[in-house]
Protein backbone atom coordinates (compact mmCIF):
# COMPACT_ATOMS: atom_id res chain seq x y z
CA MET A 1 17.62 86.57 7.73
CA ALA A 2 19.72 86.92 10.88
CA LEU A 3 22.59 89.37 11.00
CA PRO A 4 25.98 87.83 10.21
CA THR A 5 28.21 86.99 13.16
CA ALA A 6 29.64 90.14 14.69
CA GLN A 7 33.31 90.94 14.47
CA ARG A 8 35.32 93.16 16.80
CA ILE A 9 36.87 96.14 15.04
CA THR A 10 39.10 98.64 16.80
CA VAL A 11 38.76 102.23 15.64
CA PRO A 12 41.74 104.47 16.39
CA GLY A 13 41.09 107.58 18.44
CA THR A 14 42.35 111.09 17.80
CA MET A 15 42.14 113.11 21.02
CA LEU A 16 40.65 110.15 22.95
CA PRO A 17 41.73 106.50 23.21
CA GLU A 18 40.73 103.95 20.58
CA VAL A 19 37.42 102.13 20.89
CA THR A 20 36.45 98.61 19.85
CA LEU A 21 33.07 98.18 18.17
CA SER A 22 30.98 95.08 17.60
CA VAL A 23 30.11 95.12 13.88
CA HIS A 24 27.95 92.97 11.61
CA ASP A 25 29.16 93.05 8.00
CA THR A 26 27.44 91.09 5.22
CA GLY A 27 30.54 91.55 3.04
CA GLY A 28 30.49 91.18 -0.69
CA PRO A 29 31.20 93.54 -3.59
CA GLY A 30 27.89 95.42 -3.52
CA SER A 31 27.43 99.09 -2.80
CA PRO A 32 27.96 99.64 0.95
CA VAL A 33 25.20 100.81 3.28
CA ILE A 34 25.85 101.60 6.97
CA LEU A 35 22.90 101.40 9.38
CA LEU A 36 23.04 103.28 12.71
CA HIS A 37 20.74 102.46 15.64
CA GLY A 38 19.67 104.79 18.45
CA TRP A 39 18.79 104.72 22.17
CA PRO A 40 18.66 102.26 23.82
CA ASP A 41 19.26 99.79 21.01
CA ARG A 42 21.87 97.74 19.24
CA ALA A 43 22.51 96.55 15.69
CA THR A 44 19.68 94.01 15.77
CA LEU A 45 17.21 96.91 15.44
CA TRP A 46 18.07 96.76 11.71
CA GLU A 47 18.00 92.97 11.32
CA HIS A 48 15.08 92.90 8.89
CA GLN A 49 16.39 95.77 6.75
CA ALA A 50 19.93 94.35 6.69
CA GLY A 51 18.57 91.07 5.35
CA ALA A 52 16.46 92.79 2.69
CA LEU A 53 19.34 95.01 1.55
CA ALA A 54 21.81 92.11 1.47
CA ALA A 55 19.36 90.06 -0.59
CA ALA A 56 19.19 92.97 -3.04
CA GLY A 57 22.97 92.91 -3.46
CA TYR A 58 24.13 95.61 -1.06
CA ARG A 59 27.01 95.23 1.37
CA VAL A 60 25.43 96.06 4.72
CA VAL A 61 27.43 97.17 7.78
CA VAL A 62 25.58 97.43 11.10
CA PRO A 63 27.60 98.39 14.20
CA ASP A 64 26.70 98.48 17.85
CA LEU A 65 27.58 102.13 18.45
CA ARG A 66 29.88 102.99 21.36
CA GLY A 67 28.13 102.63 24.69
CA PHE A 68 25.60 100.13 23.30
CA GLY A 69 25.30 96.42 22.58
CA ASP A 70 28.61 94.58 22.69
CA SER A 71 30.77 97.59 21.81
CA ASP A 72 33.03 99.33 24.33
CA ARG A 73 31.44 101.56 26.95
CA PRO A 74 34.16 104.09 27.84
CA LEU A 75 33.72 106.15 31.00
CA GLY A 76 33.13 109.88 30.84
CA VAL A 77 30.82 112.19 28.90
CA ASP A 78 33.60 113.45 26.61
CA HIS A 79 33.77 110.02 24.97
CA TYR A 80 30.27 110.50 23.54
CA ARG A 81 30.47 113.90 21.90
CA MET A 82 29.26 114.06 18.31
CA LYS A 83 32.67 114.64 16.76
CA VAL A 84 33.92 111.49 18.50
CA LEU A 85 30.91 109.48 17.30
CA ARG A 86 31.48 110.68 13.73
CA GLY A 87 35.06 109.52 14.01
CA ASP A 88 33.83 106.05 15.00
CA VAL A 89 31.74 105.67 11.84
CA LEU A 90 34.38 107.06 9.49
CA GLY A 91 37.11 105.03 11.21
CA LEU A 92 34.97 101.90 10.88
CA ALA A 93 34.53 102.56 7.17
CA ASP A 94 38.30 102.98 6.85
CA ALA A 95 38.92 99.70 8.67
CA LEU A 96 36.57 97.87 6.31
CA GLY A 97 38.07 99.44 3.18
CA ILE A 98 34.92 101.45 2.41
CA GLU A 99 35.41 104.87 0.83
CA GLU A 100 31.87 106.04 0.02
CA PHE A 101 28.65 104.69 1.51
CA ALA A 102 24.93 105.23 1.80
CA LEU A 103 23.67 105.74 5.32
CA ALA A 104 20.53 105.20 7.37
CA GLY A 105 19.97 106.11 11.01
CA HIS A 106 17.24 105.89 13.62
CA ASP A 107 16.85 107.98 16.79
CA TRP A 108 20.37 108.97 17.97
CA GLY A 109 21.70 107.09 14.97
CA ALA A 110 19.66 109.50 12.85
CA GLY A 111 21.11 112.50 14.68
CA LEU A 112 24.60 111.11 14.07
CA GLY A 113 23.71 110.44 10.44
CA TRP A 114 22.66 114.04 9.87
CA THR A 115 25.99 115.33 11.14
CA LEU A 116 27.88 112.82 8.99
CA SER A 117 25.91 113.94 5.94
CA LEU A 118 26.91 117.52 6.70
CA ALA A 119 30.53 116.89 7.69
CA SER A 120 31.71 114.20 5.30
CA GLU A 121 31.65 113.96 1.50
CA ARG A 122 31.86 110.18 1.82
CA VAL A 123 28.09 109.83 2.43
CA THR A 124 26.24 109.41 -0.88
CA ARG A 125 22.59 109.15 0.28
CA TYR A 126 20.96 109.39 3.69
CA ALA A 127 17.75 107.96 5.16
CA ALA A 128 16.79 109.53 8.51
CA PHE A 129 14.22 107.62 10.57
CA SER A 130 12.25 109.56 13.23
CA VAL A 131 14.74 112.41 13.88
CA GLY A 132 14.91 115.38 11.52
CA HIS A 133 17.69 117.80 10.65
CA PRO A 134 19.25 119.32 13.83
CA ALA A 135 18.15 122.85 12.89
CA ALA A 136 14.60 121.68 12.16
CA PHE A 137 14.48 119.86 15.49
CA ALA A 138 15.85 122.87 17.35
CA THR A 139 13.14 125.17 15.98
CA ALA A 140 10.21 122.72 16.07
CA GLY A 141 8.32 124.65 18.74
CA PHE A 142 6.75 124.03 22.14
CA ARG A 143 5.08 120.71 21.36
CA GLN A 144 8.43 119.15 20.44
CA LYS A 145 10.04 120.57 23.59
CA ALA A 146 7.22 119.08 25.66
CA MET A 147 7.76 115.69 24.04
CA SER A 148 11.51 116.01 24.70
CA TRP A 149 11.10 116.43 28.48
CA TYR A 150 13.20 113.34 29.19
CA MET A 151 16.26 114.96 27.59
CA LEU A 152 16.44 117.40 30.51
CA TRP A 153 15.88 114.69 33.11
CA PHE A 154 18.64 112.54 31.61
CA GLN A 155 21.16 115.34 32.19
CA PHE A 156 21.47 114.70 35.94
CA PRO A 157 23.97 111.91 36.66
CA GLY A 158 22.67 109.39 39.14
CA VAL A 159 19.03 110.51 39.02
CA ALA A 160 17.94 108.70 35.87
CA GLU A 161 20.23 105.79 36.79
CA GLN A 162 18.25 105.34 40.02
CA VAL A 163 14.73 105.80 38.68
CA ILE A 164 14.84 104.03 35.30
CA PRO A 165 15.67 100.52 36.57
CA ALA A 166 13.53 100.77 39.73
CA HIS A 167 10.72 98.28 40.25
CA ASP A 168 11.80 96.00 37.41
CA TRP A 169 12.28 98.85 34.92
CA GLN A 170 8.73 100.13 35.41
CA PHE A 171 9.56 103.52 33.88
CA LEU A 172 10.70 102.08 30.54
CA ARG A 173 7.88 99.58 30.45
CA ALA A 174 5.23 102.26 30.99
CA TRP A 175 6.75 105.01 28.84
CA MET A 176 8.45 103.23 25.96
CA HIS A 177 7.12 99.69 25.82
CA ALA A 178 3.41 100.03 26.51
CA THR A 179 2.38 99.65 22.87
CA PHE A 180 4.38 96.47 22.21
CA PRO A 181 2.44 93.19 22.27
CA GLU A 182 3.32 90.70 24.98
CA GLY A 183 6.29 88.62 23.96
CA HIS A 184 7.77 91.13 21.51
CA PRO A 185 11.57 90.81 21.77
CA LEU A 186 12.47 94.53 21.75
CA PRO A 187 11.53 95.47 25.36
CA ALA A 188 13.32 92.46 26.85
CA ARG A 189 16.40 93.07 24.70
CA GLN A 190 16.65 96.75 25.65
CA ILE A 191 16.25 96.04 29.36
CA ALA A 192 18.79 93.21 29.26
CA ASP A 193 21.31 95.49 27.54
CA LEU A 194 20.79 98.38 29.95
CA SER A 195 21.04 96.06 32.97
CA ARG A 196 24.73 95.34 32.35
CA PRO A 197 27.33 97.16 34.48
CA GLY A 198 27.87 100.71 33.22
CA ALA A 199 25.53 100.32 30.23
CA LEU A 200 22.76 102.66 31.38
CA THR A 201 25.17 105.50 32.17
CA ALA A 202 27.04 104.98 28.89
CA SER A 203 23.79 105.22 26.94
CA LEU A 204 22.67 108.35 28.82
CA ASN A 205 26.03 109.97 28.10
CA TRP A 206 24.87 110.42 24.50
CA TYR A 207 22.30 112.90 25.86
CA ARG A 208 24.67 114.47 28.36
CA ALA A 209 27.31 115.08 25.70
CA ASN A 210 25.09 116.32 22.89
CA VAL A 211 21.98 118.05 24.28
CA ASP A 212 21.89 121.58 25.72
CA PRO A 213 19.89 121.24 28.98
CA ALA A 214 18.81 124.88 28.78
CA THR A 215 17.06 124.44 25.43
CA PHE A 216 16.48 120.68 24.93
CA VAL A 217 18.16 120.93 21.53
CA PRO A 218 21.42 119.58 20.08
CA VAL A 219 24.61 121.26 21.22
CA GLU A 220 25.93 121.03 17.67
CA ILE A 221 23.58 122.81 15.24
CA PRO A 222 25.32 123.25 11.89
CA GLN A 223 25.40 126.70 10.31
CA VAL A 224 26.27 125.50 6.83
CA PRO A 225 24.70 125.34 3.36
CA PRO A 226 21.92 122.78 2.85
CA VAL A 227 22.65 119.07 2.72
CA ARG A 228 23.46 118.42 -0.93
CA ILE A 229 22.99 114.65 -1.13
CA PRO A 230 19.53 113.04 -1.50
CA VAL A 231 17.83 112.57 1.88
CA MET A 232 14.70 110.63 2.84
CA GLY A 233 13.02 111.49 6.14
CA VAL A 234 10.72 108.82 7.62
CA TRP A 235 8.36 109.67 10.50
CA SER A 236 5.72 107.49 12.20
CA ASP A 237 2.38 108.87 13.38
CA GLY A 238 2.55 107.01 16.71
CA ASP A 239 5.95 108.36 17.79
CA MET A 240 5.85 109.33 21.47
CA ALA A 241 8.95 111.55 21.29
CA LEU A 242 9.05 113.31 17.94
CA THR A 243 6.66 115.56 16.01
CA GLU A 244 5.88 115.42 12.32
CA GLY A 245 6.95 119.04 11.96
CA GLN A 246 10.57 118.51 12.95
CA MET A 247 10.90 115.95 10.16
CA ARG A 248 8.86 117.78 7.52
CA ARG A 249 10.77 121.03 8.08
CA SER A 250 14.02 119.21 7.35
CA SER A 251 13.19 119.98 3.71
CA GLU A 252 14.26 123.57 4.42
CA PHE A 253 17.82 122.37 5.03
CA VAL A 254 18.14 119.76 2.28
CA GLU A 255 18.35 120.32 -1.47
CA ASP A 256 16.74 116.98 -2.40
CA PHE A 257 14.35 115.84 0.36
CA ARG A 258 11.71 113.12 0.34
CA PHE A 259 9.27 112.77 3.24
CA GLU A 260 7.48 109.54 4.14
CA THR A 261 4.97 108.74 6.88
CA VAL A 262 4.52 105.27 8.37
CA GLU A 263 0.98 105.07 9.73
CA GLY A 264 -0.08 103.07 12.77
CA CYS A 265 3.50 102.73 13.98
CA GLY A 266 5.33 103.80 17.13
CA HIS A 267 8.86 105.11 17.52
CA TRP A 268 10.83 102.01 16.50
CA ILE A 269 9.96 101.99 12.80
CA PRO A 270 12.55 99.37 11.70
CA GLU A 271 11.09 96.81 14.13
CA GLU A 272 7.45 97.90 14.36
CA ALA A 273 6.99 98.24 10.58
CA PRO A 274 9.86 96.12 9.21
CA GLU A 275 8.48 95.43 5.75
CA ARG A 276 7.50 99.04 5.17
CA ALA A 277 10.89 100.30 6.39
CA SER A 278 12.74 97.81 4.18
CA LYS A 279 10.67 98.73 1.14
CA LEU A 280 11.29 102.44 1.68
CA LEU A 281 15.04 101.89 2.02
CA LEU A 282 15.27 99.71 -1.06
CA ASP A 283 13.28 102.20 -3.11
CA PHE A 284 15.31 105.18 -1.89
CA LEU A 285 18.72 103.57 -2.31
CA GLY A 286 17.82 102.33 -5.77
CA ALA A 287 16.46 105.66 -6.99
């Protein structure tokens, strides 16, 4: 099932100007679920899961987050700080008349989802794919820091922008796309998106705004009581950027935590293991 036609929804800003997001909304009276993609993706990452959830009666909302897909790409690092990104999701829910919602996120969408689960009582359940709780990630040890090397490199404006697209995007193809079979749509889609004017810098601004270059960990690490809503953490054993430990140790910061492993799968669980990811989401949301 393809995602429904996107609509353009303008989210009012607080300290910064408003932003217009491209949003796929299945509509209907079912319980709402918002799905958040990561880097360097767009809403279509969740196409399979959105179809499965909609078929099960949920109202599914899948935005292109700011800086990605067909949403606005404002200039400047300040436009991508976590508190601004949280405002986008909550403002989007307001615009669609949604008060409470379940949430799932992958990669940076997972990082954003964790902070929403901590900062807003409107999130009822949360499924984090690949990225664990910010405090668990920050204390995951040397192996995780070694796997996060690119977060430091991305901090230098102009450097990554020059190297990443060089020689027909050789860096991405060798580092991120090597395990995909020839003809898989994800590599071509990501490269096409990043090739648009300003898109690569906008996407890298998520790292520049939210990662401490001295420690390779999130700038915003919550010092609050545990997450009180049910959380499912999903990690894949072929992930090239994230360790099992940073997801498993999320249980230390969540009152009701469920851990799941997807075997034989790389980083992009929703697309590399679509049926497994959909089944896990349906089971978790229906629990």
